[in-house]
C-alpha cells in the first residue's frame, strides 16, 4: 500500500569558498614543465598555444588554473593528451639475454591563451631573432 505521507530529504549546501582565493594544491604542487621544441614554438607563434608536460593524475581544469595562477594570464582552452611509454630493449653481450623495460607513461597539455597574452618560455629564441632582422 502506498502511504500519502511524503518524506522530505534534507539538503545541506556546501559552504562555498570565495572566488578570489586560489587553491594551494593547484598553485603550489602542480609542476608545469614546458615542452621546448620546434613544434611547440610554431604553436605558440601561430595559435598562441603552449605545450606542457604534466603529471599523469592531473586533469585539464587543474592545468588551466595552474597556468593562470603561475603566469598571470587568461586561459581560453586546455587540451590533454596521454602519451604511452615506449618499450626499451637493452642488450648485454652478443647473443645473450636482452632486457626489456618500459618508459613511464606521460601526459601533455596544450594550453591556449587569450589573444595578447604571452609566456616567457621562448623569450631567448625571440631575442636571438631580433638582431638578424636589423642587418
Protein backbone atom coordinates (compact mmCIF):
# COMPACT_ATOMS: atom_id res chain seq x y z
CA UNK A 1 0.00 0.00 0.00
CA UNK A 2 1.17 3.45 -0.81
CA UNK A 3 1.02 5.90 2.04
CA UNK A 4 0.12 9.53 1.34
CA UNK A 5 2.88 10.77 3.65
CA UNK A 6 5.79 12.36 1.84
CA UNK A 7 9.23 12.38 3.34
CA UNK A 8 11.34 15.47 2.85
CA UNK A 9 15.02 14.96 2.36
CA UNK A 10 17.26 17.49 4.00
CA UNK A 11 19.71 19.04 1.60
CA UNK A 12 22.82 20.64 3.03
CA UNK A 13 24.54 23.21 0.88
CA UNK A 14 28.28 23.06 0.82
CA UNK A 15 29.99 26.15 2.09
CA UNK A 16 31.23 27.98 -0.96
CA UNK A 17 34.75 29.34 -0.88
CA UNK A 18 35.32 32.90 -2.04
CA UNK A 19 36.17 33.07 -5.74
CA UNK A 20 39.28 35.20 -5.23
CA UNK A 21 41.13 32.60 -3.14
CA UNK A 22 43.26 30.16 -5.10
CA UNK A 23 43.57 26.53 -4.15
CA UNK A 24 47.01 25.87 -2.63
CA UNK A 25 47.10 22.40 -4.20
CA UNK A 26 46.75 23.73 -7.72
CA UNK A 27 49.13 26.66 -7.47
CA UNK A 28 51.95 25.05 -5.50
CA UNK A 29 52.02 21.34 -6.24
CA UNK A 30 51.21 21.06 -9.94
CA UNK A 31 54.52 21.04 -11.80
CA UNK A 32 54.26 22.53 -15.28
CA UNK A 33 57.27 21.61 -17.39
CA UNK A 34 57.20 23.31 -20.80
CA UNK A 35 58.00 21.20 -23.87
CA UNK A 36 60.65 23.09 -25.79
CA UNK A 37 60.53 22.04 -29.45
CA UNK A 38 60.13 23.47 -32.92
CA UNK A 39 56.53 22.31 -33.00
CA UNK A 40 55.86 23.99 -29.65
CA UNK A 41 57.44 27.22 -30.86
CA UNK A 42 55.32 27.18 -34.02
CA UNK A 43 52.15 26.54 -31.98
CA UNK A 44 52.97 29.46 -29.70
CA UNK A 45 53.52 31.81 -32.64
CA UNK A 46 50.57 30.78 -34.82
CA UNK A 47 47.85 29.79 -32.35
CA UNK A 48 49.05 31.23 -29.00
CA UNK A 49 49.12 27.64 -27.67
CA UNK A 50 51.81 26.36 -25.31
CA UNK A 51 52.68 22.71 -24.62
CA UNK A 52 53.45 21.44 -21.10
CA UNK A 53 54.40 18.06 -19.62
CA UNK A 54 52.08 17.44 -16.67
CA UNK A 55 51.64 14.70 -14.05
CA UNK A 56 49.55 11.74 -15.19
CA UNK A 57 46.97 12.19 -12.42
CA UNK A 58 46.15 15.83 -13.25
CA UNK A 59 43.22 16.96 -15.38
CA UNK A 60 42.58 19.88 -17.72
CA UNK A 61 40.81 22.00 -15.11
CA UNK A 62 43.77 21.84 -12.71
CA UNK A 63 46.19 22.65 -15.53
CA UNK A 64 44.19 25.69 -16.63
CA UNK A 65 44.02 27.05 -13.09
CA UNK A 66 47.73 26.41 -12.51
CA UNK A 67 48.83 28.18 -15.71
CA UNK A 68 46.55 31.14 -14.97
CA UNK A 69 47.85 31.49 -11.41
CA UNK A 70 51.56 30.88 -12.08
CA UNK A 71 51.91 33.11 -15.16
CA UNK A 72 49.08 35.65 -14.57
CA UNK A 73 47.45 35.08 -17.98
CA UNK A 74 43.93 34.27 -19.19
CA UNK A 75 43.46 30.68 -20.38
CA UNK A 76 40.84 30.14 -23.09
CA UNK A 77 41.25 26.39 -23.65
CA UNK A 78 43.12 23.31 -22.47
CA UNK A 79 43.51 20.00 -24.30
CA UNK A 80 45.17 16.98 -22.69
CA UNK A 81 46.86 14.04 -24.43
CA UNK A 82 48.12 10.86 -22.77
CA UNK A 83 51.43 9.60 -24.17
CA UNK A 84 52.09 5.89 -23.55
CA UNK A 85 55.61 4.85 -22.58
CA UNK A 86 57.72 3.09 -25.18
CA UNK A 87 59.37 -0.29 -24.72
CA UNK A 88 63.15 -0.15 -24.27
CA UNK A 89 65.46 -3.06 -25.05
CA UNK A 90 68.95 -3.27 -23.62
CA UNK A 91 71.35 -5.98 -24.81
CA UNK A 92 74.10 -7.28 -22.56
CA UNK A 93 76.59 -9.20 -24.67
CA UNK A 94 76.47 -10.64 -28.13
CA UNK A 95 73.75 -13.22 -28.39
CA UNK A 96 72.97 -13.20 -24.69
CA UNK A 97 69.86 -12.14 -22.84
CA UNK A 98 68.15 -8.92 -23.70
CA UNK A 99 66.45 -6.88 -21.02
CA UNK A 100 63.11 -5.28 -21.79
CA UNK A 101 61.81 -2.34 -19.82
CA UNK A 102 59.21 0.32 -20.40
CA UNK A 103 59.39 4.08 -20.08
CA UNK A 104 56.78 5.58 -17.82
CA UNK A 105 53.59 6.98 -19.31
CA UNK A 106 53.38 10.76 -19.55
CA UNK A 107 50.74 13.36 -20.23
CA UNK A 108 50.96 16.63 -22.10
CA UNK A 109 48.68 19.63 -22.12
CA UNK A 110 48.05 22.12 -24.90
CA UNK A 111 47.12 25.43 -23.24
CA UNK A 112 45.62 28.18 -25.41
CA UNK A 113 45.84 31.74 -24.11
CA UNK A 114 43.77 34.84 -24.81
CA UNK A 115 45.00 36.98 -27.71
CA UNK A 116 47.68 39.36 -26.47
CA UNK A 117 48.89 37.14 -23.60
CA UNK A 118 52.34 35.59 -23.91
CA UNK A 119 54.50 33.30 -21.79
CA UNK A 120 58.25 33.91 -21.44
CA UNK A 121 59.12 30.34 -22.49
CA UNK A 122 60.58 31.18 -25.89
CA UNK A 123 61.97 34.61 -24.92
CA UNK A 124 65.58 33.60 -25.67
CA UNK A 125 64.64 32.47 -29.17
CA UNK A 126 62.78 35.70 -29.88
CA UNK A 127 65.69 37.80 -28.56
CA UNK A 128 68.09 35.96 -30.87
CA UNK A 129 65.91 36.70 -33.92
CA UNK A 130 65.83 40.48 -33.39
CA UNK A 131 69.49 41.22 -34.38
CA UNK A 132 69.11 39.22 -37.63
CA UNK A 133 66.26 41.43 -38.80
CA UNK A 134 68.14 44.70 -38.17
CA UNK A 135 71.03 43.82 -40.52
